[in-house]
Amino acid sequence: MAQLSLEDTRILAQNILRHHDFSEEQVAAIADVMVAGQRDECASHGLYRLLGCIATLNAGKVVPDAQPEIIDVAPALLKVDAKGGFSPLAFRRGLPLALEKARQNGLSAFAINHCVHFSALWVEIEDITAAGMVALACNPSHAWVAPAGGSKPLFGTNPFAFGWPRAGQLPFVFDFATSAIARGDIELHRREERPVPLGWGINDGGQPTTDAAAILSGAMLTFGGHKGSALSAMIELIAGPLIGDFTSAESKDWDHGAGALPYHGELIIILDPQRFLGDQATEHLARAEPLFTAMAQNGRLPSQRRYEARQRSQQQGITLPDTLYRDLLALLD
């Protein structure tokens, strides 16, 4: 295992992106998201994603110097056209106006269009809860996941994330794929030649398998059977046609076999407790705390593992498998 400080982790990500001619704004936004994933021990959304980012660039499927455009649609609605670039800079550009609209109206909807997407949604959710807001976010991806009862890919992994601010504490956040597992986790199992649990996916013949490579060429499964399938369909609709962007099937067609990262949109909804509750906001937000205490019957809340990992990484740095570290250094050649 290779050991790196968080600063060295950031420098490595930035150097690789600069080497491949990403603009400085894109470099900063992308590296911040990857370092956050690595710091919180979310390996499938950390530096590993650089491999996919550079492969997507080499396939001609992302614009490395894209300048996102903010489109002020309505009092509580805005869009940011990512112009074919990765999503983090588009989010960064649109967030201040989205927060302002939420403060004025009580809520705002923030759509990102025409973006290439690799990042975990919890990073964005934490930026919103840091402003004292409640937040939801979702997006499609590539058609990798079979609907309930099916055997052919139709849905994306279609993550959904939620965040709730907590006074004097880290926020309550969850972020999960509506597939049984994130695709990046299956890819990591394939790289390490490890079997996956039954229930993660099926082979191209529609049969259950523990072979990660067979799932990647077959289909992933939704979590919770028909319930996860319905949630995945909802995300296809509200973060696809509703915002004028691709479904997961359309993203896969657009890829046309290039093997690039997904190209689609994202929908973010922000709610301001102060506008909903006025002078009683502090009182009612505090009523959530007994709920969180009662939820922690298994010893932790969602995101608690990440927060503990964050503290370790800030003190000790991060570790990377030697094979991944060598593959990352090769991107500097």
C-alpha atoms as a PDB file:
ATOM      1  CA  MET A   1       0.000   0.000   0.000  1.00  0.00           C
ATOM      2  CA  ALA A   2       1.148   3.525  -0.788  1.00  0.00           C
ATOM      3  CA  GLN A   3       0.796   6.087   2.015  1.00  0.00           C
ATOM      4  CA  LEU A   4       0.005   9.727   1.135  1.00  0.00           C
ATOM      5  CA  SER A   5      -0.880  12.806   3.128  1.00  0.00           C
ATOM      6  CA  LEU A   6      -4.100  14.559   2.162  1.00  0.00           C
ATOM      7  CA  GLU A   7      -2.044  17.375   0.640  1.00  0.00           C
ATOM      8  CA  ASP A   8      -0.034  14.882  -1.437  1.00  0.00           C
ATOM      9  CA  THR A   9      -3.318  13.272  -2.491  1.00  0.00           C
ATOM     10  CA  ARG A  10      -4.570  16.628  -3.730  1.00  0.00           C
ATOM     11  CA  ILE A  11      -1.306  17.421  -5.517  1.00  0.00           C
ATOM     12  CA  LEU A  12      -1.321  14.037  -7.276  1.00  0.00           C
ATOM     13  CA  ALA A  13      -4.881  14.552  -8.528  1.00  0.00           C
ATOM     14  CA  GLN A  14      -4.157  18.101  -9.641  1.00  0.00           C
ATOM     15  CA  ASN A  15      -0.927  17.151 -11.416  1.00  0.00           C
ATOM     16  CA  ILE A  16      -2.638  14.379 -13.360  1.00  0.00           C
ATOM     17  CA  LEU A  17      -5.483  16.649 -14.434  1.00  0.00           C
ATOM     18  CA  ARG A  18      -3.105  19.461 -15.429  1.00  0.00           C
ATOM     19  CA  HIS A  19      -0.948  16.994 -17.361  1.00  0.00           C
ATOM     20  CA  HIS A  20      -4.010  16.224 -19.452  1.00  0.00           C
ATOM     21  CA  ASP A  21      -4.784  19.912 -20.088  1.00  0.00           C
ATOM     22  CA  PHE A  22      -7.787  20.469 -17.843  1.00  0.00           C
ATOM     23  CA  SER A  23      -8.354  24.144 -17.053  1.00  0.00           C
ATOM     24  CA  GLU A  24      -7.348  25.357 -13.599  1.00  0.00           C
ATOM     25  CA  GLU A  25     -10.986  25.812 -12.530  1.00  0.00           C
ATOM     26  CA  GLN A  26     -11.804  22.272 -13.632  1.00  0.00           C
ATOM     27  CA  VAL A  27      -8.670  20.945 -11.912  1.00  0.00           C
ATOM     28  CA  ALA A  28      -9.584  22.533  -8.582  1.00  0.00           C
ATOM     29  CA  ALA A  29     -13.234  21.418  -8.610  1.00  0.00           C
ATOM     30  CA  ILE A  30     -12.530  17.843  -9.725  1.00  0.00           C
ATOM     31  CA  ALA A  31      -9.603  17.356  -7.343  1.00  0.00           C
ATOM     32  CA  ASP A  32     -11.624  18.627  -4.358  1.00  0.00           C
ATOM     33  CA  VAL A  33     -14.319  16.008  -4.956  1.00  0.00           C
ATOM     34  CA  MET A  34     -11.825  13.165  -5.425  1.00  0.00           C
ATOM     35  CA  VAL A  35      -9.829  14.085  -2.327  1.00  0.00           C
ATOM     36  CA  ALA A  36     -13.056  14.181  -0.296  1.00  0.00           C
ATOM     37  CA  GLY A  37     -13.932  10.672  -1.464  1.00  0.00           C
ATOM     38  CA  GLN A  38     -10.459   9.332  -0.694  1.00  0.00           C
ATOM     39  CA  ARG A  39     -10.337  11.138   2.654  1.00  0.00           C
ATOM     40  CA  ASP A  40     -13.619   9.573   3.747  1.00  0.00           C
ATOM     41  CA  GLU A  41     -12.499   6.092   2.613  1.00  0.00           C
ATOM     42  CA  CYS A  42     -15.042   5.968  -0.208  1.00  0.00           C
ATOM     43  CA  ALA A  43     -12.486   4.303  -2.469  1.00  0.00           C
ATOM     44  CA  SER A  44     -14.816   3.920  -5.448  1.00  0.00           C
ATOM     45  CA  HIS A  45     -15.219   7.730  -5.576  1.00  0.00           C
ATOM     46  CA  GLY A  46     -11.654   8.718  -4.733  1.00  0.00           C
ATOM     47  CA  LEU A  47      -8.490   8.852  -6.837  1.00  0.00           C
ATOM     48  CA  TYR A  48      -9.579   5.675  -8.604  1.00  0.00           C
ATOM     49  CA  ARG A  49     -11.966   7.883 -10.571  1.00  0.00           C
ATOM     50  CA  LEU A  50      -9.021   9.579 -12.269  1.00  0.00           C
ATOM     51  CA  LEU A  51      -8.629   6.492 -14.436  1.00  0.00           C
ATOM     52  CA  GLY A  52     -12.153   6.919 -15.766  1.00  0.00           C
ATOM     53  CA  CYS A  53     -11.809  10.683 -16.138  1.00  0.00           C
ATOM     54  CA  ILE A  54      -8.710  10.430 -18.307  1.00  0.00           C
ATOM     55  CA  ALA A  55     -10.166   7.533 -20.313  1.00  0.00           C
ATOM     56  CA  THR A  56     -13.262   9.678 -20.926  1.00  0.00           C
ATOM     57  CA  LEU A  57     -11.062  12.562 -22.065  1.00  0.00           C
ATOM     58  CA  ASN A  58      -9.081  10.294 -24.398  1.00  0.00           C
ATOM     59  CA  ALA A  59     -12.359   9.024 -25.869  1.00  0.00           C
ATOM     60  CA  GLY A  60     -13.335  12.612 -26.705  1.00  0.00           C
ATOM     61  CA  LYS A  61     -16.340  12.497 -24.383  1.00  0.00           C
ATOM     62  CA  VAL A  62     -15.593  15.404 -22.021  1.00  0.00           C
ATOM     63  CA  VAL A  63     -14.559  19.040 -22.505  1.00  0.00           C
ATOM     64  CA  PRO A  64     -11.511  19.668 -20.259  1.00  0.00           C
ATOM     65  CA  ASP A  65     -11.815  23.461 -20.271  1.00  0.00           C
ATOM     66  CA  ALA A  66     -15.620  23.752 -20.239  1.00  0.00           C
ATOM     67  CA  GLN A  67     -17.042  26.977 -18.831  1.00  0.00           C
ATOM     68  CA  PRO A  68     -20.459  26.294 -17.253  1.00  0.00           C
ATOM     69  CA  GLU A  69     -23.257  28.745 -18.017  1.00  0.00           C
ATOM     70  CA  ILE A  70     -25.810  29.796 -15.370  1.00  0.00           C
ATOM     71  CA  ILE A  71     -29.389  30.142 -16.662  1.00  0.00           C
ATOM     72  CA  ASP A  72     -31.741  31.939 -14.275  1.00  0.00           C
ATOM     73  CA  VAL A  73     -35.050  30.286 -15.168  1.00  0.00           C
ATOM     74  CA  ALA A  74     -37.505  31.487 -12.491  1.00  0.00           C
ATOM     75  CA  PRO A  75     -37.567  32.885  -8.937  1.00  0.00           C
ATOM     76  CA  ALA A  76     -36.979  29.440  -7.414  1.00  0.00           C
ATOM     77  CA  LEU A  77     -35.383  27.682 -10.374  1.00  0.00           C
ATOM     78  CA  LEU A  78     -32.027  27.758 -12.114  1.00  0.00           C
ATOM     79  CA  LYS A  79     -30.100  25.600 -14.522  1.00  0.00           C
ATOM     80  CA  VAL A  80     -26.380  25.347 -15.077  1.00  0.00           C
ATOM     81  CA  ASP A  81     -25.251  24.104 -18.473  1.00  0.00           C
ATOM     82  CA  ALA A  82     -21.982  22.261 -17.829  1.00  0.00           C
ATOM     83  CA  LYS A  83     -21.129  22.541 -21.539  1.00  0.00           C
ATOM     84  CA  GLY A  84     -19.891  18.961 -21.678  1.00  0.00           C
ATOM     85  CA  GLY A  85     -17.516  19.261 -18.741  1.00  0.00           C
ATOM     86  CA  PHE A  86     -17.412  17.287 -15.510  1.00  0.00           C
ATOM     87  CA  SER A  87     -20.138  18.167 -13.017  1.00  0.00           C
ATOM     88  CA  PRO A  88     -18.198  19.540  -9.987  1.00  0.00           C
ATOM     89  CA  LEU A  89     -17.411  22.947 -11.520  1.00  0.00           C
ATOM     90  CA  ALA A  90     -21.005  23.354 -12.724  1.00  0.00           C
ATOM     91  CA  PHE A  91     -22.231  22.649  -9.190  1.00  0.00           C
ATOM     92  CA  ARG A  92     -19.711  25.088  -7.736  1.00  0.00           C
ATOM     93  CA  ARG A  93     -20.806  27.814 -10.181  1.00  0.00           C
ATOM     94  CA  GLY A  94     -24.520  27.408  -9.525  1.00  0.00           C
ATOM     95  CA  LEU A  95     -24.578  26.857  -5.770  1.00  0.00           C
ATOM     96  CA  PRO A  96     -24.428  30.509  -4.577  1.00  0.00           C
ATOM     97  CA  LEU A  97     -27.460  31.503  -6.664  1.00  0.00           C
ATOM     98  CA  ALA A  98     -29.337  28.318  -5.717  1.00  0.00           C
ATOM     99  CA  LEU A  99     -28.807  29.122  -2.015  1.00  0.00           C
ATOM    100  CA  GLU A 100     -29.890  32.724  -2.538  1.00  0.00           C
ATOM    101  CA  LYS A 101     -33.087  31.573  -4.250  1.00  0.00           C
ATOM    102  CA  ALA A 102     -33.821  29.144  -1.408  1.00  0.00           C
ATOM    103  CA  ARG A 103     -33.407  31.930   1.160  1.00  0.00           C
ATOM    104  CA  GLN A 104     -35.763  34.173  -0.796  1.00  0.00           C
ATOM    105  CA  ASN A 105     -38.443  31.597  -1.598  1.00  0.00           C
ATOM    106  CA  GLY A 106     -38.060  28.858   1.005  1.00  0.00           C
ATOM    107  CA  LEU A 107     -36.872  26.385  -1.579  1.00  0.00           C
ATOM    108  CA  SER A 108     -35.086  26.206  -4.898  1.00  0.00           C
ATOM    109  CA  ALA A 109     -34.524  23.638  -7.620  1.00  0.00           C
ATOM    110  CA  PHE A 110     -31.107  23.540  -9.243  1.00  0.00           C
ATOM    111  CA  ALA A 111     -30.569  21.500 -12.404  1.00  0.00           C
ATOM    112  CA  ILE A 112     -27.182  20.719 -13.916  1.00  0.00           C
ATOM    113  CA  ASN A 113     -27.359  19.862 -17.625  1.00  0.00           C
ATOM    114  CA  HIS A 114     -24.956  18.359 -20.158  1.00  0.00           C
ATOM    115  CA  CYS A 115     -22.422  17.177 -17.605  1.00  0.00           C
ATOM    116  CA  VAL A 116     -20.123  14.184 -17.404  1.00  0.00           C
ATOM    117  CA  HIS A 117     -20.613  12.685 -13.947  1.00  0.00           C
ATOM    118  CA  PHE A 118     -18.373  10.596 -11.685  1.00  0.00           C
ATOM    119  CA  SER A 119     -18.710  12.133  -8.247  1.00  0.00           C
ATOM    120  CA  ALA A 120     -20.521  11.159  -5.048  1.00  0.00           C
ATOM    121  CA  LEU A 121     -23.543  13.310  -4.234  1.00  0.00           C
ATOM    122  CA  TRP A 122     -22.773  13.556  -0.505  1.00  0.00           C
ATOM    123  CA  VAL A 123     -19.941  15.980  -1.256  1.00  0.00           C
ATOM    124  CA  GLU A 124     -22.435  18.428  -2.739  1.00  0.00           C
ATOM    125  CA  ILE A 125     -25.017  17.745  -0.040  1.00  0.00           C
ATOM    126  CA  GLU A 126     -22.514  18.678   2.679  1.00  0.00           C
ATOM    127  CA  ASP A 127     -21.825  22.001   0.931  1.00  0.00           C
ATOM    128  CA  ILE A 128     -25.558  22.738   1.116  1.00  0.00           C
ATOM    129  CA  THR A 129     -26.086  21.646   4.732  1.00  0.00           C
ATOM    130  CA  ALA A 130     -23.093  23.810   5.693  1.00  0.00           C
ATOM    131  CA  ALA A 131     -25.289  26.757   4.671  1.00  0.00           C
ATOM    132  CA  GLY A 132     -28.011  25.580   7.085  1.00  0.00           C
ATOM    133  CA  MET A 133     -30.200  24.093   4.364  1.00  0.00           C
ATOM    134  CA  VAL A 134     -31.941  20.763   3.874  1.00  0.00           C
ATOM    135  CA  ALA A 135     -31.017  19.168   0.565  1.00  0.00           C
ATOM    136  CA  LEU A 136     -31.897  16.372  -1.853  1.00  0.00           C
ATOM    137  CA  ALA A 137     -30.052  15.379  -5.024  1.00  0.00           C
ATOM    138  CA  CYS A 138     -30.300  12.648  -7.641  1.00  0.00           C
ATOM    139  CA  ASN A 139     -29.098  11.735 -11.112  1.00  0.00           C
ATOM    140  CA  PRO A 140     -29.237   8.970 -13.732  1.00  0.00           C
ATOM    141  CA  SER A 141     -26.046   7.422 -15.146  1.00  0.00           C
ATOM    142  CA  HIS A 142     -25.458   4.800 -17.883  1.00  0.00           C
ATOM    143  CA  ALA A 143     -27.939   1.960 -18.459  1.00  0.00           C
ATOM    144  CA  TRP A 144     -26.235  -0.700 -16.362  1.00  0.00           C
ATOM    145  CA  VAL A 145     -29.085  -1.893 -14.120  1.00  0.00           C
ATOM    146  CA  ALA A 146     -31.971  -4.220 -14.926  1.00  0.00           C
ATOM    147  CA  PRO A 147     -35.465  -3.263 -13.706  1.00  0.00           C
ATOM    148  CA  ALA A 148     -37.181  -5.586 -11.239  1.00  0.00           C
ATOM    149  CA  GLY A 149     -37.930  -8.889 -12.941  1.00  0.00           C
ATOM    150  CA  GLY A 150     -35.868  -7.987 -15.991  1.00  0.00           C
ATOM    151  CA  SER A 151     -32.530  -9.203 -17.302  1.00  0.00           C
ATOM    152  CA  LYS A 152     -31.389  -6.376 -19.584  1.00  0.00           C
ATOM    153  CA  PRO A 153     -29.846  -3.054 -18.464  1.00  0.00           C
ATOM    154  CA  LEU A 154     -32.215  -0.075 -18.506  1.00  0.00           C
ATOM    155  CA  PHE A 155     -31.631   2.107 -15.448  1.00  0.00           C
ATOM    156  CA  GLY A 156     -28.472   3.712 -14.182  1.00  0.00           C
ATOM    157  CA  THR A 157     -27.153   3.218 -10.676  1.00  0.00           C
ATOM    158  CA  ASN A 158     -29.255   6.342 -10.057  1.00  0.00           C
ATOM    159  CA  PRO A 159     -28.044   7.631  -6.689  1.00  0.00           C
ATOM    160  CA  PHE A 160     -30.228   9.601  -4.295  1.00  0.00           C
ATOM    161  CA  ALA A 161     -28.849  11.743  -1.482  1.00  0.00           C
ATOM    162  CA  PHE A 162     -30.339  13.726   1.403  1.00  0.00           C
ATOM    163  CA  GLY A 163     -28.864  16.065   3.984  1.00  0.00           C
ATOM    164  CA  TRP A 164     -30.121  17.667   7.214  1.00  0.00           C
ATOM    165  CA  PRO A 165     -28.086  20.327   9.082  1.00  0.00           C
ATOM    166  CA  ARG A 166     -27.424  19.824  12.789  1.00  0.00           C
ATOM    167  CA  ALA A 167     -26.420  22.603  15.162  1.00  0.00           C
ATOM    168  CA  GLY A 168     -22.874  22.082  16.441  1.00  0.00           C
ATOM    169  CA  GLN A 169     -22.595  18.654  14.788  1.00  0.00           C
ATOM    170  CA  LEU A 170     -21.821  17.148  11.424  1.00  0.00           C
ATOM    171  CA  PRO A 171     -24.951  16.858   9.279  1.00  0.00           C
ATOM    172  CA  PHE A 172     -27.186  13.838   8.884  1.00  0.00           C
ATOM    173  CA  VAL A 173     -26.473  12.691   5.332  1.00  0.00           C
ATOM    174  CA  PHE A 174     -27.187   9.610   3.306  1.00  0.00           C
ATOM    175  CA  ASP A 175     -26.204   8.904  -0.273  1.00  0.00           C
ATOM    176  CA  PHE A 176     -26.972   5.583  -1.884  1.00  0.00           C
ATOM    177  CA  ALA A 177     -27.354   4.077  -5.304  1.00  0.00           C
ATOM    178  CA  THR A 178     -30.731   2.606  -6.135  1.00  0.00           C
ATOM    179  CA  SER A 179     -28.748  -0.304  -7.531  1.00  0.00           C
ATOM    180  CA  ALA A 180     -27.742  -2.970  -5.006  1.00  0.00           C
ATOM    181  CA  ILE A 181     -24.233  -1.457  -4.920  1.00  0.00           C
ATOM    182  CA  ALA A 182     -22.344   1.348  -6.641  1.00  0.00           C
ATOM    183  CA  ARG A 183     -20.808   0.312  -9.951  1.00  0.00           C
ATOM    184  CA  GLY A 184     -17.416   1.537  -8.784  1.00  0.00           C
ATOM    185  CA  ASP A 185     -17.446  -1.085  -6.027  1.00  0.00           C
ATOM    186  CA  ILE A 186     -17.997  -3.841  -8.596  1.00  0.00           C
ATOM    187  CA  GLU A 187     -15.179  -2.406 -10.719  1.00  0.00           C
ATOM    188  CA  LEU A 188     -12.855  -2.468  -7.709  1.00  0.00           C
ATOM    189  CA  HIS A 189     -13.746  -6.119  -7.076  1.00  0.00           C
ATOM    190  CA  ARG A 190     -12.951  -6.872 -10.714  1.00  0.00           C
ATOM    191  CA  ARG A 191      -9.576  -5.116 -10.474  1.00  0.00           C
ATOM    192  CA  GLU A 192      -8.723  -7.116  -7.366  1.00  0.00           C
ATOM    193  CA  GLU A 193     -10.200 -10.371  -8.760  1.00  0.00           C
ATOM    194  CA  ARG A 194     -12.475 -10.772  -5.747  1.00  0.00           C
ATOM    195  CA  PRO A 195     -15.974 -12.317  -5.899  1.00  0.00           C
ATOM    196  CA  VAL A 196     -18.966 -10.130  -5.097  1.00  0.00           C
ATOM    197  CA  PRO A 197     -22.003 -11.142  -2.994  1.00  0.00           C
ATOM    198  CA  LEU A 198     -24.988 -12.717  -4.681  1.00  0.00           C
ATOM    199  CA  GLY A 199     -27.665 -10.128  -5.365  1.00  0.00           C
ATOM    200  CA  TRP A 200     -25.386  -7.483  -6.845  1.00  0.00           C
ATOM    201  CA  GLY A 201     -25.978  -8.518 -10.421  1.00  0.00           C
ATOM    202  CA  ILE A 202     -26.543 -11.088 -13.139  1.00  0.00           C
ATOM    203  CA  ASN A 203     -24.529 -12.312 -16.122  1.00  0.00           C
ATOM    204  CA  ASP A 204     -25.483 -11.682 -19.741  1.00  0.00           C
ATOM    205  CA  GLY A 205     -27.655 -14.798 -19.616  1.00  0.00           C
ATOM    206  CA  GLY A 206     -29.717 -13.316 -16.778  1.00  0.00           C
ATOM    207  CA  GLN A 207     -28.337 -15.697 -14.147  1.00  0.00           C
ATOM    208  CA  PRO A 208     -27.170 -14.647 -10.651  1.00  0.00           C
ATOM    209  CA  THR A 209     -23.386 -14.534 -10.345  1.00  0.00           C
ATOM    210  CA  THR A 210     -20.596 -13.573  -7.955  1.00  0.00           C
ATOM    211  CA  ASP A 211     -18.206 -12.805 -10.836  1.00  0.00           C
ATOM    212  CA  ALA A 212     -17.671  -9.030 -10.969  1.00  0.00           C
ATOM    213  CA  ALA A 213     -16.564  -9.104 -14.622  1.00  0.00           C
ATOM    214  CA  ALA A 214     -19.679 -11.098 -15.583  1.00  0.00           C
ATOM    215  CA  ILE A 215     -21.914  -8.502 -13.912  1.00  0.00           C
ATOM    216  CA  LEU A 216     -20.131  -5.644 -15.680  1.00  0.00           C
ATOM    217  CA  SER A 217     -20.901  -7.301 -19.014  1.00  0.00           C
ATOM    218  CA  GLY A 218     -24.378  -8.412 -17.863  1.00  0.00           C
ATOM    219  CA  ALA A 219     -26.547  -6.268 -15.624  1.00  0.00           C
ATOM    220  CA  MET A 220     -26.572  -4.921 -12.097  1.00  0.00           C
ATOM    221  CA  LEU A 221     -29.671  -5.281  -9.912  1.00  0.00           C
ATOM    222  CA  THR A 222     -31.661  -2.714  -7.958  1.00  0.00           C
ATOM    223  CA  PHE A 223     -31.809  -2.873  -4.172  1.00  0.00           C
ATOM    224  CA  GLY A 224     -35.083  -3.967  -2.625  1.00  0.00           C
ATOM    225  CA  GLY A 225     -36.551  -5.526  -5.754  1.00  0.00           C
ATOM    226  CA  HIS A 226     -39.529  -3.614  -7.141  1.00  0.00           C
ATOM    227  CA  LYS A 227     -39.155  -0.799  -4.564  1.00  0.00           C
ATOM    228  CA  GLY A 228     -35.626   0.093  -5.638  1.00  0.00           C
ATOM    229  CA  SER A 229     -36.711  -0.303  -9.253  1.00  0.00           C
ATOM    230  CA  ALA A 230     -39.547   2.221  -8.802  1.00  0.00           C
ATOM    231  CA  LEU A 231     -37.232   4.729  -7.101  1.00  0.00           C
ATOM    232  CA  SER A 232     -34.744   4.302  -9.924  1.00  0.00           C
ATOM    233  CA  ALA A 233     -37.498   5.002 -12.464  1.00  0.00           C
ATOM    234  CA  MET A 234     -38.479   8.142 -10.535  1.00  0.00           C
ATOM    235  CA  ILE A 235     -34.900   9.417 -10.717  1.00  0.00           C
ATOM    236  CA  GLU A 236     -34.751   8.692 -14.449  1.00  0.00           C
ATOM    237  CA  LEU A 237     -37.804  10.935 -14.864  1.00  0.00           C
ATOM    238  CA  ILE A 238     -37.133  13.879 -12.546  1.00  0.00           C
ATOM    239  CA  ALA A 239     -33.410  14.135 -13.353  1.00  0.00           C
ATOM    240  CA  GLY A 240     -33.884  13.267 -17.038  1.00  0.00           C
ATOM    241  CA  PRO A 241     -36.905  14.435 -19.065  1.00  0.00           C
ATOM    242  CA  LEU A 242     -38.086  16.888 -16.376  1.00  0.00           C
ATOM    243  CA  ILE A 243     -34.867  18.907 -16.667  1.00  0.00           C
ATOM    244  CA  GLY A 244     -34.453  18.326 -20.412  1.00  0.00           C
ATOM    245  CA  ASP A 245     -31.590  15.857 -20.145  1.00  0.00           C
ATOM    246  CA  PHE A 246     -30.711  12.237 -20.904  1.00  0.00           C
ATOM    247  CA  THR A 247     -32.075   9.098 -19.329  1.00  0.00           C
ATOM    248  CA  SER A 248     -29.522   6.399 -18.520  1.00  0.00           C
ATOM    249  CA  ALA A 249     -30.385   4.521 -21.724  1.00  0.00           C
ATOM    250  CA  GLU A 250     -29.854   7.688 -23.755  1.00  0.00           C
ATOM    251  CA  SER A 251     -26.538   8.322 -21.990  1.00  0.00           C
ATOM    252  CA  LYS A 252     -25.392   4.797 -22.895  1.00  0.00           C
ATOM    253  CA  ASP A 253     -26.442   5.307 -26.521  1.00  0.00           C
ATOM    254  CA  TRP A 254     -24.572   8.623 -26.620  1.00  0.00           C
ATOM    255  CA  ASP A 255     -21.447   6.835 -25.354  1.00  0.00           C
ATOM    256  CA  HIS A 256     -21.639   4.580 -28.432  1.00  0.00           C
ATOM    257  CA  GLY A 257     -19.291   1.987 -26.991  1.00  0.00           C
ATOM    258  CA  ALA A 258     -16.531   4.424 -25.982  1.00  0.00           C
ATOM    259  CA  GLY A 259     -16.586   3.216 -22.366  1.00  0.00           C
ATOM    260  CA  ALA A 260     -16.642   6.798 -21.080  1.00  0.00           C
ATOM    261  CA  LEU A 261     -18.203   8.068 -17.875  1.00  0.00           C
ATOM    262  CA  PRO A 262     -21.952   8.846 -17.998  1.00  0.00           C
ATOM    263  CA  TYR A 263     -23.264  12.011 -19.668  1.00  0.00           C
ATOM    264  CA  HIS A 264     -26.556  13.341 -18.262  1.00  0.00           C
ATOM    265  CA  GLY A 265     -28.040  15.844 -15.823  1.00  0.00           C
ATOM    266  CA  GLU A 266     -28.594  16.194 -12.093  1.00  0.00           C
ATOM    267  CA  LEU A 267     -31.419  17.631 -10.013  1.00  0.00           C
ATOM    268  CA  ILE A 268     -30.787  19.289  -6.643  1.00  0.00           C
ATOM    269  CA  ILE A 269     -33.558  20.564  -4.375  1.00  0.00           C
ATOM    270  CA  ILE A 270     -32.753  22.942  -1.518  1.00  0.00           C
ATOM    271  CA  LEU A 271     -35.125  23.806   1.353  1.00  0.00           C
ATOM    272  CA  ASP A 272     -34.533  26.624   3.845  1.00  0.00           C
ATOM    273  CA  PRO A 273     -35.747  25.845   7.384  1.00  0.00           C
ATOM    274  CA  GLN A 274     -35.606  29.535   8.271  1.00  0.00           C
ATOM    275  CA  ARG A 275     -38.169  30.413   5.605  1.00  0.00           C
ATOM    276  CA  PHE A 276     -40.375  27.454   6.478  1.00  0.00           C
ATOM    277  CA  LEU A 277     -40.284  28.044  10.241  1.00  0.00           C
ATOM    278  CA  GLY A 278     -39.225  31.630  10.904  1.00  0.00           C
ATOM    279  CA  ASP A 279     -38.452  32.354  14.548  1.00  0.00           C
ATOM    280  CA  GLN A 280     -39.296  28.749  15.458  1.00  0.00           C
ATOM    281  CA  ALA A 281     -36.646  27.216  13.183  1.00  0.00           C
ATOM    282  CA  THR A 282     -34.148  26.472  15.966  1.00  0.00           C
ATOM    283  CA  GLU A 283     -36.850  24.893  18.129  1.00  0.00           C
ATOM    284  CA  HIS A 284     -38.162  22.592  15.411  1.00  0.00           C
ATOM    285  CA  LEU A 285     -34.749  21.603  14.069  1.00  0.00           C
ATOM    286  CA  ALA A 286     -33.821  20.581  17.616  1.00  0.00           C
ATOM    287  CA  ARG A 287     -36.782  18.171  17.615  1.00  0.00           C
ATOM    288  CA  ALA A 288     -34.850  16.047  15.122  1.00  0.00           C
ATOM    289  CA  GLU A 289     -32.139  15.245  17.649  1.00  0.00           C
ATOM    290  CA  PRO A 290     -34.134  12.689  19.694  1.00  0.00           C
ATOM    291  CA  LEU A 291     -34.943  10.965  16.412  1.00  0.00           C
ATOM    292  CA  PHE A 292     -31.259  10.678  15.520  1.00  0.00           C
ATOM    293  CA  THR A 293     -30.441   9.408  19.010  1.00  0.00           C
ATOM    294  CA  ALA A 294     -33.138   6.755  18.766  1.00  0.00           C
ATOM    295  CA  MET A 295     -31.997   5.742  15.264  1.00  0.00           C
ATOM    296  CA  ALA A 296     -28.482   4.907  16.417  1.00  0.00           C
ATOM    297  CA  GLN A 297     -29.538   1.556  17.863  1.00  0.00           C
ATOM    298  CA  ASN A 298     -26.854  -0.211  15.836  1.00  0.00           C
ATOM    299  CA  GLY A 299     -24.223   2.199  17.066  1.00  0.00           C
ATOM    300  CA  ARG A 300     -24.085   4.688  14.217  1.00  0.00           C
ATOM    301  CA  LEU A 301     -26.073   6.890  11.864  1.00  0.00           C
ATOM    302  CA  PRO A 302     -25.613   7.055   8.100  1.00  0.00           C
ATOM    303  CA  SER A 303     -22.349   8.888   7.274  1.00  0.00           C
ATOM    304  CA  GLN A 304     -20.890   8.172  10.720  1.00  0.00           C
ATOM    305  CA  ARG A 305     -18.412   5.731   9.196  1.00  0.00           C
ATOM    306  CA  ARG A 306     -17.338   8.413   6.729  1.00  0.00           C
ATOM    307  CA  TYR A 307     -16.924  10.990   9.460  1.00  0.00           C
ATOM    308  CA  GLU A 308     -14.766   8.605  11.481  1.00  0.00           C
ATOM    309  CA  ALA A 309     -12.685   7.840   8.386  1.00  0.00           C
ATOM    310  CA  ARG A 310     -12.323  11.580   7.760  1.00  0.00           C
ATOM    311  CA  GLN A 311     -10.870  12.110  11.203  1.00  0.00           C
ATOM    312  CA  ARG A 312      -8.387   9.256  10.685  1.00  0.00           C
ATOM    313  CA  SER A 313      -7.319  10.553   7.295  1.00  0.00           C
ATOM    314  CA  GLN A 314      -6.790  14.073   8.582  1.00  0.00           C
ATOM    315  CA  GLN A 315      -4.430  12.648  11.207  1.00  0.00           C
ATOM    316  CA  GLN A 316      -2.778   9.786   9.314  1.00  0.00           C
ATOM    317  CA  GLY A 317      -3.247  10.451   5.604  1.00  0.00           C
ATOM    318  CA  ILE A 318      -4.619   7.887   3.165  1.00  0.00           C
ATOM    319  CA  THR A 319      -3.482   4.581   1.682  1.00  0.00           C
ATOM    320  CA  LEU A 320      -3.743   3.388  -1.916  1.00  0.00           C
ATOM    321  CA  PRO A 321      -3.227  -0.125  -3.269  1.00  0.00           C
ATOM    322  CA  ASP A 322       0.160  -0.306  -5.007  1.00  0.00           C
ATOM    323  CA  THR A 323      -1.449  -1.339  -8.303  1.00  0.00           C
ATOM    324  CA  LEU A 324      -3.745   1.686  -8.296  1.00  0.00           C
ATOM    325  CA  TYR A 325      -0.901   4.015  -7.318  1.00  0.00           C
ATOM    326  CA  ARG A 326       1.207   2.732 -10.218  1.00  0.00           C
ATOM    327  CA  ASP A 327      -1.717   3.148 -12.603  1.00  0.00           C
ATOM    328  CA  LEU A 328      -2.187   6.737 -11.422  1.00  0.00           C
ATOM    329  CA  LEU A 329       1.515   7.577 -11.806  1.00  0.00           C
ATOM    330  CA  ALA A 330       1.356   6.152 -15.327  1.00  0.00           C
ATOM    331  CA  LEU A 331      -1.157   8.880 -16.192  1.00  0.00           C
ATOM    332  CA  LEU A 332       1.691  11.381 -15.767  1.00  0.00           C
ATOM    333  CA  ASP A 333       3.794   9.751 -18.519  1.00  0.00           C
END
